[in-house]
Protein backbone atom coordinates (compact mmCIF):
# COMPACT_ATOMS: atom_id res chain seq x y z
CA MET A 1 -162.45 -253.22 -162.85
CA ALA A 2 -159.48 -251.13 -161.79
CA SER A 3 -158.87 -247.46 -161.12
CA ALA A 4 -156.26 -244.92 -159.99
CA ARG A 5 -157.75 -242.04 -158.01
CA LYS A 6 -155.72 -238.99 -156.96
CA ARG A 7 -155.53 -238.50 -153.19
CA GLY A 8 -152.82 -235.89 -152.68
CA LYS A 9 -150.28 -233.82 -154.58
CA GLU A 10 -148.24 -236.88 -155.63
CA SER A 11 -150.39 -239.66 -154.18
CA TYR A 12 -152.85 -242.03 -155.88
CA LEU A 13 -155.17 -244.72 -154.51
CA LEU A 14 -155.10 -247.83 -156.69
CA THR A 15 -158.13 -250.11 -156.62
CA VAL A 16 -158.61 -253.52 -158.24
CA GLU A 17 -161.96 -255.30 -157.95
CA LEU A 18 -162.20 -259.09 -157.99
CA GLY A 19 -165.94 -259.63 -158.17
CA TYR A 20 -168.13 -260.53 -155.19
CA ASP A 21 -167.82 -262.81 -152.17
CA SER A 22 -170.46 -265.36 -151.03
CA LEU A 23 -172.40 -262.62 -149.25
CA GLY A 24 -172.56 -260.44 -152.32
CA LYS A 25 -169.93 -258.01 -151.04
CA ARG A 26 -167.42 -256.58 -153.48
CA ILE A 27 -163.87 -257.92 -153.16
CA LYS A 28 -161.42 -255.04 -153.46
CA ARG A 29 -157.67 -254.73 -153.20
CA THR A 30 -156.29 -251.23 -152.62
CA LYS A 31 -152.85 -249.70 -152.51
CA THR A 32 -151.59 -246.12 -152.16
CA VAL A 33 -148.61 -245.17 -154.34
CA LYS A 34 -146.55 -242.08 -155.07
CA ALA A 35 -146.84 -240.78 -158.65
CA LYS A 36 -146.17 -237.36 -160.17
CA ASN A 37 -149.02 -237.61 -162.68
CA LYS A 38 -151.81 -239.82 -164.03
CA LYS A 39 -149.48 -241.49 -166.51
CA GLU A 40 -147.16 -242.69 -163.74
CA ALA A 41 -150.18 -243.73 -161.66
CA ASP A 42 -151.54 -245.83 -164.56
CA LEU A 43 -148.17 -247.61 -164.87
CA GLU A 44 -148.29 -248.41 -161.14
CA LEU A 45 -151.87 -249.59 -161.57
CA ALA A 46 -150.87 -251.98 -164.36
CA LYS A 47 -148.21 -253.53 -162.10
CA PHE A 48 -150.70 -253.68 -159.23
CA ILE A 49 -153.24 -255.56 -161.37
CA VAL A 50 -150.59 -258.19 -162.18
CA GLU A 51 -149.70 -258.55 -158.47
CA VAL A 52 -153.34 -258.99 -157.48
CA GLU A 53 -154.30 -261.40 -160.25
CA SER A 54 -151.19 -263.53 -159.73
CA GLY A 55 -151.83 -263.74 -156.00
CA GLU A 56 -148.56 -262.02 -155.11
CA PHE A 57 -150.19 -258.98 -153.52
CA ILE A 58 -150.44 -259.04 -149.72
CA SER A 59 -152.72 -256.53 -148.07
CA PRO A 60 -150.47 -254.14 -146.08
CA GLU A 61 -152.37 -254.60 -142.84
CA LYS A 62 -151.84 -258.37 -143.08
CA MET A 63 -148.17 -258.25 -144.12
CA SER A 64 -145.80 -259.99 -141.72
CA PHE A 65 -142.70 -258.24 -140.41
CA GLU A 66 -140.47 -260.67 -142.31
CA ALA A 67 -142.36 -260.08 -145.58
CA PHE A 68 -142.05 -256.33 -145.19
CA VAL A 69 -138.30 -256.60 -144.53
CA GLU A 70 -137.93 -258.26 -147.93
CA GLU A 71 -139.72 -255.26 -149.48
CA TRP A 72 -137.49 -252.92 -147.46
CA LYS A 73 -134.35 -254.67 -148.77
CA THR A 74 -135.26 -254.42 -152.46
CA LYS A 75 -137.02 -251.06 -152.48
CA TYR A 76 -134.82 -249.14 -150.02
CA ALA A 77 -131.66 -250.81 -148.71
CA ASN A 78 -130.29 -251.99 -152.07
CA LYS A 79 -130.90 -248.56 -153.61
CA HIS A 80 -129.89 -246.16 -150.84
CA LEU A 81 -127.46 -247.86 -148.44
CA GLU A 82 -123.77 -248.61 -148.85
CA LEU A 83 -122.93 -252.25 -149.46
CA LYS A 84 -121.18 -252.58 -146.10
CA SER A 85 -124.18 -251.05 -144.33
CA ILE A 86 -126.54 -253.46 -146.10
CA GLU A 87 -124.37 -256.36 -144.96
CA ASN A 88 -124.42 -255.15 -141.34
CA TYR A 89 -128.16 -254.40 -141.37
CA VAL A 90 -129.03 -257.82 -142.82
CA THR A 91 -126.79 -259.57 -140.28
CA HIS A 92 -128.64 -257.96 -137.37
CA LEU A 93 -132.01 -258.63 -139.01
CA ASN A 94 -131.28 -262.31 -139.61
CA ASN A 95 -129.57 -263.01 -136.29
CA ARG A 96 -131.91 -261.28 -133.85
CA ILE A 97 -134.70 -259.10 -135.22
CA ILE A 98 -136.49 -261.39 -137.69
CA PRO A 99 -136.42 -264.44 -135.39
CA HIS A 100 -138.25 -262.33 -132.79
CA PHE A 101 -140.86 -260.56 -134.96
CA LYS A 102 -140.90 -263.02 -137.89
CA ASP A 103 -144.61 -263.84 -138.49
CA VAL A 104 -146.10 -260.96 -136.53
CA GLN A 105 -148.19 -258.65 -138.72
CA ILE A 106 -146.22 -255.43 -138.98
CA SER A 107 -149.34 -253.36 -138.29
CA LYS A 108 -149.72 -255.10 -134.92
CA ILE A 109 -146.19 -254.33 -133.64
CA LYS A 110 -146.49 -251.62 -130.99
CA THR A 111 -144.01 -249.44 -129.11
CA MET A 112 -144.05 -251.65 -126.01
CA HIS A 113 -143.20 -254.74 -128.11
CA ILE A 114 -140.06 -253.02 -129.40
CA ILE A 115 -139.05 -251.77 -125.94
CA ARG A 116 -139.35 -255.31 -124.55
CA PHE A 117 -137.38 -256.70 -127.48
CA LEU A 118 -134.49 -254.24 -127.00
CA ASP A 119 -134.42 -255.11 -123.30
CA SER A 120 -134.26 -258.80 -124.19
CA VAL A 121 -131.37 -258.26 -126.61
CA ASN A 122 -128.98 -258.03 -123.67
CA THR A 123 -129.97 -261.45 -122.35
CA ARG A 124 -128.48 -264.67 -123.68
CA LEU A 125 -130.60 -267.71 -124.34
CA ASP A 126 -129.25 -269.22 -121.11
CA GLY A 127 -130.39 -266.16 -119.15
CA LYS A 128 -127.00 -264.54 -118.58
CA ASP A 129 -126.52 -260.82 -119.19
CA GLY A 130 -124.02 -259.21 -121.51
CA SER A 131 -124.62 -261.17 -124.69
CA VAL A 132 -124.07 -258.08 -126.84
CA SER A 133 -122.34 -254.75 -126.45
CA SER A 134 -124.22 -251.49 -126.01
CA ALA A 135 -122.99 -250.51 -129.49
CA THR A 136 -124.74 -253.57 -130.94
CA THR A 137 -127.99 -252.65 -129.18
CA VAL A 138 -127.77 -249.14 -130.65
CA TYR A 139 -127.17 -250.63 -134.11
CA ILE A 140 -130.24 -252.88 -133.78
CA TYR A 141 -132.24 -249.80 -132.79
CA ARG A 142 -131.04 -248.05 -135.97
CA VAL A 143 -132.09 -251.00 -138.14
CA LEU A 144 -135.57 -251.08 -136.61
CA ARG A 145 -135.92 -247.32 -137.00
CA SER A 146 -135.08 -247.55 -140.71
CA VAL A 147 -137.52 -250.42 -141.33
CA PHE A 148 -140.48 -248.81 -139.55
CA LEU A 149 -139.79 -245.37 -141.05
CA ARG A 150 -140.14 -246.89 -144.53
CA ALA A 151 -143.32 -248.71 -143.43
CA VAL A 152 -144.90 -245.37 -142.53
CA GLU A 153 -143.67 -243.62 -145.68
CA TRP A 154 -145.14 -246.41 -147.84
CA ASN A 155 -148.49 -246.31 -145.98
CA VAL A 156 -148.13 -249.89 -144.76
CA ILE A 157 -148.72 -248.67 -141.18
CA LYS A 158 -150.26 -245.44 -139.93
CA ASP A 159 -148.20 -244.84 -136.79
CA ASN A 160 -144.49 -245.43 -136.26
CA PRO A 161 -144.02 -247.60 -133.14
CA MET A 162 -140.42 -246.35 -132.89
CA LYS A 163 -141.58 -242.85 -131.94
CA GLY A 164 -141.87 -243.74 -128.27
CA VAL A 165 -138.66 -245.78 -128.15
CA LYS A 166 -135.65 -243.99 -126.71
CA LYS A 167 -132.29 -244.64 -128.31
CA PRO A 168 -130.33 -247.05 -126.05
CA LYS A 169 -127.35 -245.53 -124.27
CA GLU A 170 -124.01 -246.46 -125.73
CA LYS A 171 -121.43 -247.06 -123.03
CA PRO A 172 -117.92 -245.66 -123.49
CA VAL A 173 -115.55 -248.05 -125.22
CA LYS A 174 -113.13 -249.52 -122.70
CA ASP A 175 -109.67 -251.01 -123.09
CA ILE A 176 -108.98 -249.81 -126.62
CA GLN A 177 -105.77 -251.43 -127.77
CA VAL A 178 -103.33 -248.72 -128.87
CA TYR A 179 -99.61 -248.11 -129.21
CA ASP A 180 -97.87 -245.80 -126.77
CA GLU A 181 -94.90 -243.66 -127.83
CA GLU A 182 -92.40 -246.48 -127.24
CA ASP A 183 -94.52 -248.88 -129.32
CA VAL A 184 -94.67 -246.30 -132.11
CA ARG A 185 -90.88 -245.94 -132.09
CA LYS A 186 -90.54 -249.73 -132.45
CA LEU A 187 -93.17 -249.69 -135.21
CA PHE A 188 -91.36 -247.13 -137.34
CA LYS A 189 -88.03 -248.86 -136.77
CA ALA A 190 -89.52 -252.07 -138.18
CA LEU A 191 -91.14 -250.16 -141.09
CA GLU A 192 -87.72 -249.07 -142.39
CA GLN A 193 -87.30 -252.49 -144.02
CA GLU A 194 -90.78 -252.58 -145.59
CA PRO A 195 -91.97 -251.57 -149.10
CA PHE A 196 -92.37 -247.80 -149.40
CA ILE A 197 -96.10 -248.07 -150.15
CA PHE A 198 -96.85 -249.73 -146.79
CA LYS A 199 -94.40 -247.54 -144.88
CA MET A 200 -96.26 -244.50 -146.25
CA LEU A 201 -99.68 -246.06 -145.59
CA ILE A 202 -98.94 -246.74 -141.92
CA THR A 203 -97.33 -243.32 -141.46
CA LEU A 204 -100.50 -241.63 -142.72
CA ALA A 205 -102.73 -243.91 -140.63
CA VAL A 206 -100.89 -242.89 -137.45
CA SER A 207 -100.36 -239.22 -138.27
CA THR A 208 -103.91 -238.52 -139.54
CA GLY A 209 -106.19 -241.08 -137.88
CA MET A 210 -107.84 -241.82 -141.25
CA ARG A 211 -110.02 -244.89 -141.68
CA ARG A 212 -108.83 -247.76 -143.88
CA GLY A 213 -111.44 -247.03 -146.57
CA GLU A 214 -110.41 -243.36 -146.61
CA LEU A 215 -106.73 -244.21 -146.96
CA ILE A 216 -107.09 -246.55 -149.92
CA ALA A 217 -109.47 -244.09 -151.65
CA LEU A 218 -107.00 -241.19 -151.29
CA GLU A 219 -105.87 -239.62 -154.58
CA TRP A 220 -102.95 -237.31 -155.27
CA LYS A 221 -105.30 -234.48 -156.23
CA HIS A 222 -106.52 -234.51 -152.61
CA ILE A 223 -103.03 -233.71 -151.28
CA ASN A 224 -101.45 -230.26 -151.16
CA LEU A 225 -97.77 -230.76 -150.33
CA GLU A 226 -97.06 -227.04 -150.38
CA GLU A 227 -99.65 -226.29 -147.69
CA GLY A 228 -99.07 -229.61 -145.95
CA THR A 229 -102.69 -230.72 -145.98
CA LEU A 230 -104.84 -233.48 -147.40
CA GLN A 231 -108.59 -233.64 -147.97
CA VAL A 232 -110.75 -236.61 -147.08
CA VAL A 233 -113.58 -236.51 -149.61
CA GLN A 234 -114.20 -240.14 -150.50
CA SER A 235 -113.97 -243.66 -149.18
CA ILE A 236 -113.96 -247.22 -150.51
CA SER A 237 -116.31 -249.51 -148.61
CA ILE A 238 -116.07 -252.97 -150.20
CA GLU A 239 -115.69 -254.40 -153.66
CA ASP A 240 -118.79 -254.92 -155.79
CA GLY A 241 -118.46 -257.34 -158.68
CA GLY A 242 -114.68 -257.16 -158.50
CA LYS A 243 -114.58 -253.35 -158.73
CA PRO A 244 -114.10 -250.96 -155.78
CA VAL A 245 -117.10 -248.89 -154.74
CA ILE A 246 -116.03 -245.26 -154.28
CA LYS A 247 -118.45 -243.11 -152.32
CA GLU A 248 -118.50 -240.08 -150.07
CA PRO A 249 -117.43 -240.79 -146.46
CA LYS A 250 -120.04 -242.07 -143.99
CA THR A 251 -121.06 -238.65 -142.58
CA LYS A 252 -120.77 -234.95 -143.48
CA ASN A 253 -118.18 -234.52 -140.73
CA SER A 254 -116.07 -237.24 -142.33
CA ILE A 255 -115.40 -234.85 -145.22
CA ARG A 256 -112.52 -232.85 -143.79
CA THR A 257 -109.09 -231.26 -144.29
CA ILE A 258 -106.22 -232.62 -142.19
CA SER A 259 -102.90 -230.88 -141.53
CA LEU A 260 -99.83 -233.11 -141.82
CA PRO A 261 -96.72 -233.14 -139.58
CA THR A 262 -93.62 -231.69 -141.26
CA SER A 263 -91.87 -235.10 -141.27
CA THR A 264 -94.87 -236.69 -142.99
CA ILE A 265 -94.91 -233.95 -145.65
CA GLU A 266 -91.23 -234.58 -146.43
CA MET A 267 -91.87 -238.32 -146.59
CA MET A 268 -94.86 -237.73 -148.93
CA LYS A 269 -92.62 -235.74 -151.30
CA GLN A 270 -90.15 -238.65 -151.43
CA TYR A 271 -93.00 -241.10 -151.88
CA ARG A 272 -94.42 -239.02 -154.75
CA ARG A 273 -91.12 -239.38 -156.64
CA PHE A 274 -91.10 -243.13 -155.91
CA TYR A 275 -94.72 -243.38 -157.09
CA LEU A 276 -94.01 -241.69 -160.45
CA GLN A 277 -90.94 -243.85 -161.09
CA ASP A 278 -92.85 -247.02 -160.19
CA LYS A 279 -95.76 -246.02 -162.41
CA LEU A 280 -93.38 -245.47 -165.34
CA LYS A 281 -91.96 -248.98 -164.87
CA ARG A 282 -95.42 -250.53 -164.98
CA MET A 283 -97.00 -248.47 -167.77
CA ASP A 284 -97.75 -251.59 -169.82
CA ARG A 285 -99.91 -252.93 -166.96
CA TRP A 286 -101.25 -249.57 -165.72
CA THR A 287 -104.89 -249.70 -166.81
CA GLU A 288 -106.36 -247.14 -164.38
CA LYS A 289 -107.05 -243.90 -166.29
CA GLU A 290 -109.70 -242.05 -164.28
CA HIS A 291 -108.09 -241.96 -160.82
CA GLU A 292 -104.57 -241.47 -159.49
CA PHE A 293 -104.63 -243.36 -156.21
CA VAL A 294 -101.88 -242.66 -153.68
CA PHE A 295 -101.79 -246.36 -152.76
CA PRO A 296 -102.30 -248.25 -156.05
CA ASN A 297 -102.38 -251.93 -156.84
CA SER A 298 -100.31 -253.35 -159.71
CA SER A 299 -102.66 -251.95 -162.38
CA GLY A 300 -103.09 -248.47 -160.86
CA GLY A 301 -106.41 -249.08 -159.15
CA PRO A 302 -106.77 -248.77 -155.36
CA LEU A 303 -105.31 -251.38 -153.05
CA TYR A 304 -107.80 -254.18 -152.50
CA PHE A 305 -109.95 -253.45 -149.46
CA ASN A 306 -108.51 -256.20 -147.22
CA ARG A 307 -104.91 -255.91 -148.41
CA PRO A 308 -103.74 -253.42 -145.71
CA THR A 309 -105.21 -255.60 -142.94
CA LYS A 310 -103.64 -258.82 -144.26
CA TRP A 311 -100.27 -257.14 -144.69
CA TRP A 312 -100.53 -255.60 -141.18
CA ILE A 313 -101.16 -258.98 -139.50
CA GLU A 314 -98.20 -260.58 -141.28
CA PHE A 315 -95.99 -257.57 -140.52
CA LEU A 316 -96.72 -257.70 -136.77
CA ASP A 317 -96.09 -261.45 -136.63
CA TYR A 318 -92.79 -261.21 -138.50
CA ASN A 319 -91.45 -258.35 -136.35
CA GLY A 320 -92.81 -259.56 -133.01
CA LEU A 321 -94.66 -256.30 -132.38
CA LYS A 322 -97.61 -255.79 -130.05
CA LYS A 323 -100.73 -257.05 -131.81
CA ILE A 324 -103.43 -254.45 -132.45
CA ARG A 325 -105.96 -254.17 -135.28
CA PHE A 326 -105.26 -251.99 -138.32
CA HIS A 327 -108.21 -249.82 -137.22
CA ASP A 328 -106.48 -249.34 -133.85
CA LEU A 329 -103.88 -247.18 -135.60
CA ARG A 330 -106.71 -244.62 -135.79
CA HIS A 331 -107.20 -244.95 -132.03
CA THR A 332 -103.43 -244.72 -131.57
CA SER A 333 -103.37 -241.40 -133.46
CA ALA A 334 -106.10 -239.96 -131.25
CA THR A 335 -104.54 -241.20 -128.02
CA LEU A 336 -101.11 -239.78 -128.90
CA LEU A 337 -102.71 -236.38 -129.54
CA ILE A 338 -104.60 -236.56 -126.24
CA ASN A 339 -101.36 -237.31 -124.39
CA LYS A 340 -99.75 -234.29 -126.08
CA GLY A 341 -102.50 -232.07 -124.68
CA VAL A 342 -104.42 -231.46 -127.92
CA HIS A 343 -108.02 -230.34 -127.31
CA ALA A 344 -110.73 -232.96 -127.84
CA LYS A 345 -112.51 -230.69 -130.34
CA ILE A 346 -109.46 -230.63 -132.63
CA ILE A 347 -109.08 -234.40 -132.35
CA SER A 348 -112.78 -234.83 -133.16
CA GLU A 349 -112.38 -232.76 -136.34
CA ARG A 350 -109.26 -234.64 -137.45
CA LEU A 351 -110.99 -237.99 -137.00
CA GLY A 352 -114.18 -236.85 -138.73
CA HIS A 353 -116.46 -237.68 -135.81
CA ALA A 354 -120.10 -236.56 -136.02
CA ASP A 355 -119.58 -234.44 -132.90
CA ILE A 356 -117.28 -234.09 -129.91
CA THR A 357 -119.57 -236.36 -127.85
CA THR A 358 -118.43 -239.32 -129.96
CA THR A 359 -114.81 -238.47 -129.23
CA MET A 360 -115.53 -238.14 -125.50
CA ASN A 361 -117.34 -241.49 -125.44
CA VAL A 362 -114.61 -243.37 -127.30
CA TYR A 363 -111.59 -241.74 -125.64
CA GLY A 364 -113.08 -240.72 -122.29
CA HIS A 365 -110.63 -242.83 -120.28
CA ALA A 366 -107.57 -241.45 -122.10
CA LEU A 367 -108.87 -237.90 -121.67
CA GLN A 368 -109.33 -238.46 -117.94
CA GLU A 369 -105.76 -239.76 -117.62
CA ALA A 370 -104.43 -236.73 -119.51
CA ASP A 371 -106.47 -234.47 -117.23
CA LYS A 372 -104.88 -236.05 -114.14
CA ILE A 373 -101.41 -235.46 -115.55
CA ALA A 374 -102.33 -231.85 -116.28
CA ALA A 375 -103.55 -231.42 -112.71
CA GLU A 376 -100.30 -232.86 -111.34
CA LYS A 377 -98.31 -230.33 -113.38
CA LEU A 378 -100.21 -227.55 -111.62
CA ASP A 379 -99.61 -229.08 -108.19
CA SER A 380 -96.36 -227.17 -107.55
CA LEU A 381 -98.21 -223.85 -107.89
CA PHE A 382 -100.44 -224.63 -104.95
CA THR A 383 -97.89 -225.72 -102.39
CA PHE A 384 -97.97 -223.47 -99.32
CA SER A 385 -95.68 -223.39 -96.32
CA GLY A 386 -96.89 -222.91 -92.79
């Protein structure tokens, strides 16, 4: 016998009976599901009957943490998270979280267990501190929060053990590798001999502070050369099945309009002419019809996700330039602006940070140095004789 009984506005209690046990007590399996109407509830009931009769159904209160994570992956992560985020989440789950909570019933994991686990994350197996960065600890916290939030929403557990867990403090990033003004001059001198597409790519990276995924997703319709601005409205995370995945940037603040330096605007106009001529030469191979990417591959699609990084590494080696990551060009852009006295709020908006606190945390040291220089410039005003 099986039934679907309405419990709330869009909630139904599914029940499947399996006869009686040795003491004459009915054996029941129950599950609460979301359904808009009885028809949807009956479809869920049919699937539930198959799960129960095949032995695949695990009573929520007896489900292990590891088993629930598998449900979380298929029913939430794969449907709602970006591919790169899924990859990062799964890495943290497999490396640290699952080995710790693996066979523990998810309903028995309490707030204190999670607090102790997060404390232990900073200790290596040999007992030494500093095994992970504070940023990694915060990321692990985010993964746990997502998993347990879904567990509550799906009625697997009644109370969320993450409610009493404070978000770990993320320490300011130290020793960011960036180019100073002299390094930038050497960089652009070396770029003169490089293909126009990469010269333009690096120029935009330094002058705007855009992320790699934002740069390769940039289209000509996002650029206004008359006003000297560009809009960041999309990003490419990784390739899925050989095709680039184009999505909105990671946060609302990442969607932004950036003003370009006059020299960059002039260079963009020259690059636009080069782009159109190059496209005309390759029309027989130009298969991209929907998008007009500023930095295309040979067929008109976006540059492959790792192409800028690979080119950057080879370029630095060949020219004997100071080695920094491609992403550090974003940090370079911010640091140059700080040294020119630009307010942190403006820098935060150009970079697309969630709020100014992020900017202060990442570039706190550079801001302090700029503040000291500013104070020294005022020093002559406060010199008294006597």
